Protein backbone atom coordinates (compact mmCIF):
# COMPACT_ATOMS: atom_id res chain seq x y z
CA MET A 1 -0.10 31.51 -78.20
CA LYS A 2 -2.27 33.57 -75.47
CA ARG A 3 -2.40 29.98 -73.50
CA LEU A 4 1.59 29.76 -74.04
CA LEU A 5 2.23 32.90 -72.91
CA VAL A 6 0.13 32.29 -69.46
CA THR A 7 1.80 29.27 -68.62
CA ALA A 8 5.31 30.56 -69.17
CA GLY A 9 3.98 33.40 -66.97
CA LEU A 10 2.83 30.95 -64.15
CA VAL A 11 6.10 28.68 -64.38
CA PHE A 12 8.29 32.41 -64.21
CA LEU A 13 6.26 33.13 -61.13
CA PHE A 14 6.66 29.48 -59.61
CA ALA A 15 10.44 29.56 -60.14
CA LEU A 16 10.11 33.27 -58.10
CA CYS A 17 8.43 31.73 -55.17
CA LEU A 18 11.15 29.06 -54.91
CA ALA A 19 14.05 31.80 -55.53
CA TYR A 20 12.19 33.49 -52.36
CA VAL A 21 11.75 30.69 -50.17
CA ASP A 22 14.95 28.30 -50.28
CA PRO A 23 17.21 30.74 -48.84
CA ILE A 24 14.99 31.38 -45.78
CA ILE A 25 14.96 27.67 -45.50
CA ALA A 26 18.53 27.45 -45.91
CA ASN A 27 19.55 30.37 -43.45
CA SER A 28 17.25 29.32 -40.78
CA PRO A 29 19.40 29.63 -37.74
CA THR A 30 20.10 26.51 -35.39
CA ASP A 31 22.10 28.33 -32.93
CA ASN A 32 22.91 31.78 -31.65
CA PHE A 33 19.39 33.27 -32.07
CA TRP A 34 16.47 34.96 -30.16
CA VAL A 35 12.98 34.16 -29.97
CA THR A 36 10.32 36.54 -28.58
CA LYS A 37 7.81 34.98 -25.96
CA THR A 38 4.78 35.80 -23.87
CA SER A 39 5.93 38.63 -21.48
CA GLY A 40 6.21 38.50 -18.10
CA PRO A 41 4.29 39.98 -15.16
CA ILE A 42 7.17 41.62 -13.69
CA SER A 43 9.39 44.35 -14.97
CA VAL A 44 11.94 45.52 -12.96
CA GLY A 45 14.28 44.44 -9.73
CA SER A 46 13.81 40.94 -10.35
CA LYS A 47 15.68 37.64 -9.96
CA SER A 48 14.98 34.52 -11.41
CA ALA A 49 15.58 30.80 -10.67
CA VAL A 50 14.99 27.31 -12.27
CA VAL A 51 13.13 24.23 -10.52
CA ASN A 52 12.61 21.14 -12.51
CA GLY A 53 12.47 22.84 -15.58
CA LYS A 54 10.19 25.84 -14.51
CA ILE A 55 11.48 29.24 -13.89
CA TYR A 56 10.34 31.14 -10.68
CA VAL A 57 10.74 35.16 -11.39
CA MET A 58 10.35 37.09 -8.24
CA SER A 59 10.05 41.01 -7.11
CA GLY A 60 8.31 43.16 -4.55
CA SER A 61 5.94 40.71 -3.29
CA PHE A 62 5.35 38.99 -6.39
CA ASN A 63 6.13 35.27 -7.23
CA TYR A 64 5.33 34.05 -10.65
CA GLU A 65 6.09 30.41 -11.99
CA TYR A 66 6.86 30.31 -16.09
CA ASP A 67 6.53 27.15 -17.75
CA PRO A 68 9.03 27.59 -21.01
CA THR A 69 7.37 24.57 -22.41
CA ALA A 70 3.58 25.85 -22.48
CA ASP A 71 5.12 29.45 -22.69
CA ASN A 72 2.76 30.62 -19.57
CA TRP A 73 2.64 32.55 -16.20
CA THR A 74 1.32 31.32 -13.09
CA ALA A 75 0.99 33.12 -9.89
CA LYS A 76 2.68 31.60 -7.02
CA ALA A 77 2.53 32.25 -2.85
CA PRO A 78 3.55 35.80 -2.49
CA MET A 79 7.06 36.36 -0.74
CA PRO A 80 6.53 37.15 3.00
CA THR A 81 8.80 40.52 2.68
CA SER A 82 8.56 42.63 -0.06
CA ARG A 83 12.10 43.70 -1.40
CA LEU A 84 13.93 44.34 -4.78
CA TYR A 85 17.16 43.63 -5.90
CA PHE A 86 18.04 40.33 -3.54
CA GLY A 87 19.83 37.52 -4.04
CA MET A 88 18.41 34.58 -5.04
CA ALA A 89 19.75 30.91 -5.61
CA VAL A 90 18.59 27.24 -5.62
CA TYR A 91 19.85 24.22 -3.57
CA GLN A 92 17.90 20.81 -3.69
CA ASN A 93 15.02 22.44 -5.16
CA LYS A 94 14.38 24.94 -2.79
CA ILE A 95 14.85 28.73 -3.60
CA TYR A 96 16.33 30.92 -1.23
CA VAL A 97 15.94 34.94 -1.24
CA ILE A 98 18.27 36.53 0.48
CA GLY A 99 18.81 40.42 1.13
CA GLY A 100 17.44 42.94 -1.16
CA ARG A 101 15.98 46.74 -0.43
CA TYR A 102 12.81 48.46 -0.66
CA ASP A 103 12.56 51.59 1.68
CA ILE A 104 15.20 49.87 3.75
CA THR A 105 18.06 47.35 2.68
CA TYR A 106 17.05 44.09 4.14
CA SER A 107 19.19 40.82 5.81
CA THR A 108 15.86 38.64 5.58
CA ASN A 109 16.48 35.31 4.57
CA GLU A 110 13.43 33.30 3.26
CA VAL A 111 13.33 30.12 1.30
CA TYR A 112 10.56 28.97 -1.02
CA ASP A 113 9.49 25.27 -1.96
CA PRO A 114 7.94 25.04 -4.94
CA SER A 115 6.78 21.48 -4.32
CA ASN A 116 4.27 22.84 -1.82
CA ASN A 117 4.18 26.35 -2.82
CA SER A 118 5.27 27.80 0.57
CA TRP A 119 7.56 29.79 2.35
CA GLN A 120 9.91 29.60 5.51
CA THR A 121 12.10 31.94 7.09
CA LYS A 122 15.89 31.17 8.31
CA GLN A 123 18.63 32.63 9.72
CA SER A 124 19.40 36.08 8.16
CA MET A 125 22.57 37.56 6.93
CA PRO A 126 24.67 39.33 9.69
CA ILE A 127 24.99 42.29 7.60
CA GLY A 128 21.91 43.13 4.99
CA GLY A 129 23.12 43.98 1.26
CA SER A 130 21.45 44.68 -2.19
CA ASP A 131 22.16 44.63 -5.52
CA LEU A 132 24.21 41.43 -5.07
CA ASP A 133 23.70 37.83 -6.78
CA ALA A 134 23.68 34.64 -4.75
CA ASN A 135 25.66 31.48 -5.77
CA VAL A 136 25.64 27.87 -4.76
CA VAL A 137 28.75 25.78 -4.14
CA ASN A 138 28.84 22.80 -2.26
CA GLY A 139 25.86 23.37 -0.13
CA ARG A 140 26.73 26.95 0.43
CA ILE A 141 25.47 29.86 -0.69
CA TYR A 142 28.04 33.00 -1.46
CA LEU A 143 26.83 36.63 -1.29
CA ILE A 144 29.52 38.78 -2.29
CA TRP A 145 29.60 42.45 -2.73
CA GLN A 146 31.83 45.65 -2.15
CA ASN A 147 33.82 44.82 0.95
CA HIS A 148 31.51 41.81 1.71
CA ASN A 149 31.58 38.05 1.31
CA GLU A 150 28.87 36.26 3.38
CA VAL A 151 28.34 32.51 3.70
CA TYR A 152 25.41 30.90 4.31
CA ASP A 153 25.54 27.14 5.31
CA ILE A 154 22.49 25.66 4.21
CA LYS A 155 22.50 22.31 6.49
CA ASN A 156 23.52 23.81 9.86
CA ASP A 157 21.48 27.38 9.13
CA SER A 158 24.80 29.64 10.04
CA TRP A 159 26.61 32.33 8.70
CA SER A 160 30.48 32.63 8.24
CA VAL A 161 32.57 35.13 6.10
CA GLY A 162 34.84 34.89 3.08
CA LYS A 163 37.77 36.76 1.19
CA VAL A 164 36.52 39.66 -0.17
CA MET A 165 36.58 40.82 -4.00
CA SER A 166 39.83 42.29 -5.36
CA TYR A 167 37.98 45.04 -7.10
CA PRO A 168 34.57 45.63 -4.90
CA VAL A 169 31.71 46.12 -6.97
CA ILE A 170 27.74 45.89 -6.93
CA ALA A 171 25.45 45.53 -9.34
CA TYR A 172 27.40 42.75 -11.20
CA ALA A 173 26.67 39.81 -13.19
CA SER A 174 27.74 36.61 -11.98
CA ALA A 175 27.61 32.74 -12.76
CA VAL A 176 29.16 29.71 -11.59
CA PHE A 177 31.22 27.30 -13.59
CA ASP A 178 33.00 24.18 -12.02
CA ASP A 179 32.40 25.22 -8.63
CA LYS A 180 33.78 28.66 -8.87
CA ILE A 181 31.63 31.64 -9.07
CA TYR A 182 32.78 34.28 -11.64
CA ILE A 183 31.69 37.92 -11.42
CA PHE A 184 31.68 40.51 -14.35
CA GLY A 185 31.47 44.21 -14.21
CA GLY A 186 29.73 46.16 -11.75
CA HIS A 187 29.79 49.60 -10.19
CA GLY A 188 32.90 50.25 -8.03
CA SER A 189 35.44 52.85 -7.00
CA SER A 190 37.45 52.91 -9.96
CA ASN A 191 36.68 52.61 -13.81
CA SER A 192 38.82 49.61 -14.15
CA SER A 193 36.22 47.80 -12.13
CA ASP A 194 33.62 47.65 -14.44
CA ARG A 195 35.61 45.39 -17.21
CA GLN A 196 37.13 42.91 -14.77
CA THR A 197 36.47 39.24 -14.53
CA GLN A 198 37.13 38.47 -10.96
CA ILE A 199 37.25 34.62 -9.97
CA TYR A 200 36.40 33.32 -6.98
CA ASP A 201 37.65 29.71 -5.75
CA PRO A 202 35.40 28.79 -2.71
CA VAL A 203 37.48 25.44 -1.99
CA LEU A 204 40.71 28.15 -1.57
CA ASN A 205 38.71 31.44 -0.39
CA SER A 206 40.81 33.01 -2.89
CA TRP A 207 40.42 35.08 -6.03
CA SER A 208 42.05 35.50 -9.23
CA ILE A 209 41.69 37.59 -12.36
CA GLY A 210 40.59 37.09 -15.86
CA THR A 211 40.49 38.48 -18.83
CA LEU A 212 38.50 41.83 -19.14
CA SER A 213 35.40 41.91 -20.62
CA PRO A 214 34.96 43.47 -24.31
CA THR A 215 32.49 45.91 -23.06
CA ALA A 216 32.25 47.32 -19.46
CA VAL A 217 28.73 46.68 -17.84
CA SER A 218 27.03 46.64 -14.80
CA ASN A 219 23.43 45.91 -13.75
CA ALA A 220 23.99 43.01 -16.70
CA ALA A 221 22.81 39.28 -15.69
CA ALA A 222 24.58 36.34 -16.56
CA ALA A 223 24.47 32.29 -17.08
CA ALA A 224 26.16 29.66 -17.68
CA THR A 225 25.33 26.74 -20.17
CA THR A 226 25.76 23.16 -19.02
CA GLY A 227 27.39 21.42 -22.01
CA VAL A 228 24.58 18.81 -22.71
CA LEU A 229 22.81 20.60 -25.27
CA ALA A 230 25.22 23.64 -25.80
CA PRO A 231 29.25 24.06 -25.02
CA LYS A 232 29.86 25.20 -21.42
CA ARG A 233 30.14 28.81 -21.76
CA ILE A 234 28.63 31.84 -19.64
CA TYR A 235 26.74 34.70 -21.21
CA VAL A 236 26.72 38.26 -20.08
CA LEU A 237 23.69 40.07 -21.34
CA GLY A 238 22.50 43.68 -21.57
CA GLY A 239 23.88 46.30 -18.79
CA ASP A 240 24.08 49.87 -18.61
CA GLY A 241 25.08 51.93 -21.61
CA TYR A 242 25.84 55.81 -22.23
CA GLY A 243 26.65 56.65 -18.49
CA GLY A 244 23.98 54.42 -17.01
CA ILE A 245 20.99 56.11 -19.10
CA GLU A 246 20.20 53.71 -21.75
CA GLY A 247 20.24 49.63 -21.72
CA ILE A 248 22.25 47.79 -24.33
CA SER A 249 21.61 44.49 -26.23
CA LEU A 250 25.29 42.96 -25.85
CA ASN A 251 25.48 39.53 -25.69
CA GLN A 252 28.97 38.82 -24.10
CA VAL A 253 30.33 35.11 -24.09
CA TYR A 254 32.92 34.04 -21.87
CA ASN A 255 34.61 30.94 -22.15
CA PRO A 256 36.50 29.98 -18.44
CA GLU A 257 38.12 26.93 -20.10
CA ASN A 258 40.45 29.00 -22.02
CA ASP A 259 40.08 32.67 -20.46
CA ALA A 260 38.16 34.11 -23.74
CA TRP A 261 35.63 36.46 -24.89
CA VAL A 262 33.50 36.33 -28.11
CA LEU A 263 30.22 38.30 -29.04
CA GLY A 264 26.61 36.50 -29.54
CA ALA A 265 23.65 38.06 -30.85
CA PRO A 266 22.24 40.88 -29.48
CA MET A 267 19.02 40.88 -27.63
CA PRO A 268 16.17 42.24 -29.30
CA THR A 269 15.19 44.38 -26.34
CA ALA A 270 17.88 46.43 -24.91
CA ARG A 271 18.08 46.78 -21.23
CA HIS A 272 20.03 46.64 -17.73
CA ALA A 273 18.78 45.56 -14.69
CA LEU A 274 17.49 42.05 -16.15
CA THR A 275 17.45 38.49 -14.92
CA VAL A 276 18.20 35.28 -16.73
CA ALA A 277 17.44 31.50 -16.27
CA VAL A 278 18.78 28.64 -18.42
CA VAL A 279 16.36 25.53 -18.78
CA ASN A 280 17.99 22.46 -21.07
CA ASP A 281 20.77 25.12 -22.03
CA THR A 282 18.15 27.65 -23.30
CA LEU A 283 18.28 31.05 -22.16
CA TYR A 284 15.48 33.19 -20.93
CA ALA A 285 15.88 36.98 -20.30
CA PHE A 286 13.42 38.90 -17.95
CA GLY A 287 12.57 42.40 -17.47
CA GLY A 288 14.35 45.22 -17.08
CA PHE A 289 15.10 48.72 -17.69
CA GLU A 290 15.17 49.95 -21.30
CA ASN A 291 16.54 53.34 -20.00
CA ILE A 292 16.12 55.41 -16.33
CA PHE A 293 12.22 56.20 -17.86
CA TYR A 294 11.07 53.11 -19.29
CA SER A 295 10.85 49.66 -17.82
CA THR A 296 9.95 46.52 -19.95
CA ASN A 297 7.73 42.95 -19.41
CA ALA A 298 9.89 41.33 -22.17
CA ASN A 299 10.57 37.92 -22.35
CA GLU A 300 13.12 36.54 -24.76
CA GLN A 301 14.55 33.12 -25.40
CA TYR A 302 18.08 32.86 -26.81
CA THR A 303 19.61 29.52 -28.30
CA PRO A 304 23.07 29.56 -27.32
CA ILE A 305 25.87 29.05 -29.79
CA GLY A 306 26.83 25.52 -30.64
CA TYR A 307 23.51 24.51 -29.66
CA GLY A 308 22.57 21.12 -30.89
CA THR A 309 25.85 20.42 -32.10
CA ILE A 310 26.80 16.53 -32.70
CA PRO A 311 27.53 14.73 -29.70
CA ARG A 312 31.38 13.48 -29.00
CA VAL A 313 31.80 9.94 -28.54
CA SER A 314 34.98 8.36 -27.51
CA VAL A 315 36.09 4.79 -27.92
CA ILE A 316 37.91 3.55 -24.90
CA SER A 317 38.23 -0.15 -25.43
CA PRO A 318 39.21 -1.71 -27.82
CA ALA A 319 42.47 0.10 -28.67
CA ASN A 320 44.65 -0.12 -31.30
CA SER A 321 46.12 -3.37 -30.54
CA VAL A 322 46.82 -6.87 -30.54
CA TYR A 323 44.11 -9.08 -28.37
CA ASN A 324 44.72 -12.93 -27.74
CA GLU A 325 41.00 -14.17 -27.31
CA THR A 326 38.19 -13.93 -29.32
CA LYS A 327 36.16 -11.55 -27.09
CA VAL A 328 36.60 -7.94 -26.84
CA PRO A 329 35.02 -5.20 -24.29
CA LEU A 330 33.34 -2.41 -26.25
CA THR A 331 33.48 0.67 -23.82
CA PHE A 332 33.08 4.51 -24.65
CA THR A 333 31.81 7.28 -23.29
CA VAL A 334 29.19 10.23 -24.71
CA ASP A 335 29.59 13.92 -23.56
CA ARG A 336 25.54 14.27 -23.28
CA PRO A 337 22.41 12.01 -22.66
CA TYR A 338 21.32 9.91 -25.59
CA THR A 339 18.52 7.97 -27.14
CA TRP A 340 20.50 4.98 -28.80
CA ILE A 341 23.77 3.79 -29.36
CA ARG A 342 24.90 1.69 -32.25
CA TYR A 343 28.09 0.20 -33.79
CA SER A 344 29.53 -1.10 -36.99
CA LEU A 345 31.98 -3.97 -36.65
CA ASP A 346 33.93 -4.71 -39.92
CA GLY A 347 31.96 -2.19 -41.90
CA GLN A 348 28.75 -4.41 -41.36
CA HIS A 349 25.34 -2.92 -40.75
CA ASN A 350 25.01 -1.13 -37.58
CA ILE A 351 24.10 -3.28 -34.39
CA THR A 352 21.55 -1.70 -31.30
CA ALA A 353 23.58 -1.33 -27.94
CA ALA A 354 22.05 -0.48 -24.62
CA GLY A 355 25.26 0.79 -23.57
CA ASN A 356 28.82 -0.64 -22.90
CA THR A 357 29.03 -4.28 -24.21
CA THR A 358 31.02 -7.06 -25.36
CA LEU A 359 32.16 -8.02 -28.82
CA ILE A 360 32.44 -11.79 -29.24
CA GLY A 361 33.07 -14.68 -31.47
CA LEU A 362 35.82 -12.63 -33.11
CA PRO A 363 38.13 -14.29 -35.51
CA SER A 364 41.73 -13.74 -36.03
CA GLY A 365 42.74 -11.11 -37.94
CA MET A 366 42.24 -7.35 -38.40
CA HIS A 367 39.30 -5.61 -37.23
CA LYS A 368 37.41 -2.36 -37.13
CA VAL A 369 34.85 -0.74 -35.22
CA THR A 370 32.69 2.80 -34.90
CA VAL A 371 30.44 3.88 -32.49
CA TYR A 372 27.55 6.25 -33.23
CA ALA A 373 25.35 7.91 -30.45
CA ASN A 374 22.00 10.05 -30.96
CA ASP A 375 21.35 12.96 -28.68
CA THR A 376 18.07 13.86 -27.33
CA PHE A 377 18.17 16.77 -29.60
CA GLY A 378 18.03 14.46 -32.60
CA ASN A 379 21.79 14.67 -33.75
CA VAL A 380 24.00 11.59 -34.60
CA GLY A 381 27.78 11.85 -33.60
CA ALA A 382 30.42 9.03 -34.64
CA SER A 383 33.33 8.13 -33.02
CA GLN A 384 36.96 7.56 -34.25
CA THR A 385 36.91 4.29 -35.87
CA VAL A 386 39.32 1.71 -33.89
CA ASN A 387 41.20 -1.04 -35.64
CA PHE A 388 42.73 -3.70 -33.62
CA THR A 389 43.49 -7.47 -34.25
CA ILE A 390 42.90 -10.60 -33.07
CA VAL A 391 45.52 -13.39 -32.82
CA VAL A 392 44.49 -16.78 -31.11
CA PRO A 393 46.45 -19.72 -31.44
CA THR A 394 44.98 -22.69 -33.09
CA ILE A 395 45.19 -26.51 -33.66
CA THR A 396 44.49 -27.45 -37.25
CA ILE A 397 43.73 -31.15 -38.42
CA MET A 398 47.05 -31.96 -39.51
CA ASN A 399 48.92 -30.72 -36.24
CA LEU A 400 46.38 -32.97 -34.19
CA PHE A 401 47.14 -35.72 -36.95
CA SER A 402 50.62 -35.21 -36.37
CA THR A 403 49.90 -35.08 -32.55
CA VAL A 404 48.19 -38.56 -32.45
CA THR A 405 51.04 -39.51 -34.74
CA VAL A 406 53.58 -39.00 -32.58
CA ALA A 407 51.81 -39.90 -29.19
CA VAL A 408 51.01 -43.32 -31.14
CA VAL A 409 54.54 -43.97 -32.31
CA SER A 410 56.01 -42.88 -29.02
CA GLY A 411 53.56 -45.46 -27.35
CA VAL A 412 54.15 -48.23 -29.93
CA VAL A 413 57.92 -47.86 -28.99
CA VAL A 414 57.61 -48.06 -25.31
CA VAL A 415 55.21 -51.28 -25.36
CA PHE A 416 58.12 -52.75 -27.66
CA VAL A 417 60.63 -51.76 -25.29
CA VAL A 418 58.87 -53.03 -22.68
CA GLY A 419 58.18 -56.04 -23.97
CA ILE A 420 62.05 -56.82 -25.02
CA PHE A 421 62.77 -56.42 -21.55
CA PHE A 422 59.93 -58.75 -20.16
CA LEU A 423 61.02 -61.42 -22.67
CA LEU A 424 65.21 -61.21 -21.74
CA LEU A 425 64.08 -61.33 -18.28
CA PHE A 426 61.91 -64.39 -19.09
CA ARG A 427 64.46 -66.26 -21.03
CA LYS A 428 67.34 -65.69 -18.30
CA HIS A 429 64.76 -66.94 -15.60
CA ARG A 430 63.96 -70.04 -17.55
CA LYS A 431 68.11 -70.85 -18.05
CA ILE A 432 68.59 -70.44 -14.70
CA THR A 433 65.52 -72.83 -13.66
CA LYS A 434 67.27 -75.47 -15.94
CA LEU A 435 70.59 -75.41 -14.72
CA ASN A 436 69.19 -76.43 -11.18
């Protein structure tokens, strides 16, 4: 009896362990969650940029490279001009650091080349500025703040001006989405400016207004996902709260395609004056102020909403139609990079394809095809199933026999008629000969 009770107790404890472990496994998040990574050496006044999968975080004269894969930091060649709150942008794998302030406001324009760890000085801004962002569209860098919109032509190393904001602000958050610059919140001359979504079209040199953000922010940071591993969105992180005294942990998510906002999982560390970078559609938030007294070196990684969702596969050809030949092109699109493509024809086993291909040897009748794609994240998506019909004219043996028979009979008739003609002609000729 004692042994039986002990055994029953062990079974009960094992069952409790399973009951405890299973919900954790079942509820493990696949998107919209944060992870704490190795803290950075820089806390405040910094900006970040991405080149070849590495993140470069700069502030003062410091320049550090962060490797998200290895989760480690490496010191790089320091900035020639020490400054904070500058604009930073990447073009053709070079990082442009423009403007900023320290003891004075700077107009300095310096470019860093990660490939050889070196700096160059370029043409300075016409008017120095700080508490601004730099955004690249079509080979030009746009530095926008208050009543200024200074445009740097990278190829020609020259400056021009663009149209100024509808609601002049500084200390805003911004990001580029489909070649338009989106500016969120910031400090302005009116209370209405800190919830504004201002949209600049560099091609038209015009501004428009989007839906107000759920919460007013300034000194927030923003970054856009690309749509490869996560849906295309702009994430506005942190900012000032409680009259600028406390940092906030808000994660406000904007979809420019439908001009709508939702809220994502909040940052573990509430802060403002942070910087954010995106690598493979994963966000990294660095540094900032938790409040007016304390800065933070926090480095937190965010997996966005919808990350790792299944790829969308669309079949272009064949269509739901009738084809009069035994081969049909199989063409399709996939909305992200993929590791393999397979298709199933008429419910048979999947066939691997390198890409677009041709279905050959199709007999007459109804057919169906479905294409499957496996993305680089390991998710498998399927296309719609396309139904199509093959109708090819065929010659049966009976048809062939009938055709040959008709041809033979026709030939015999022709030969017979020609023979009779020549026979009559011969007899007439012979009769005439006898009379003579």
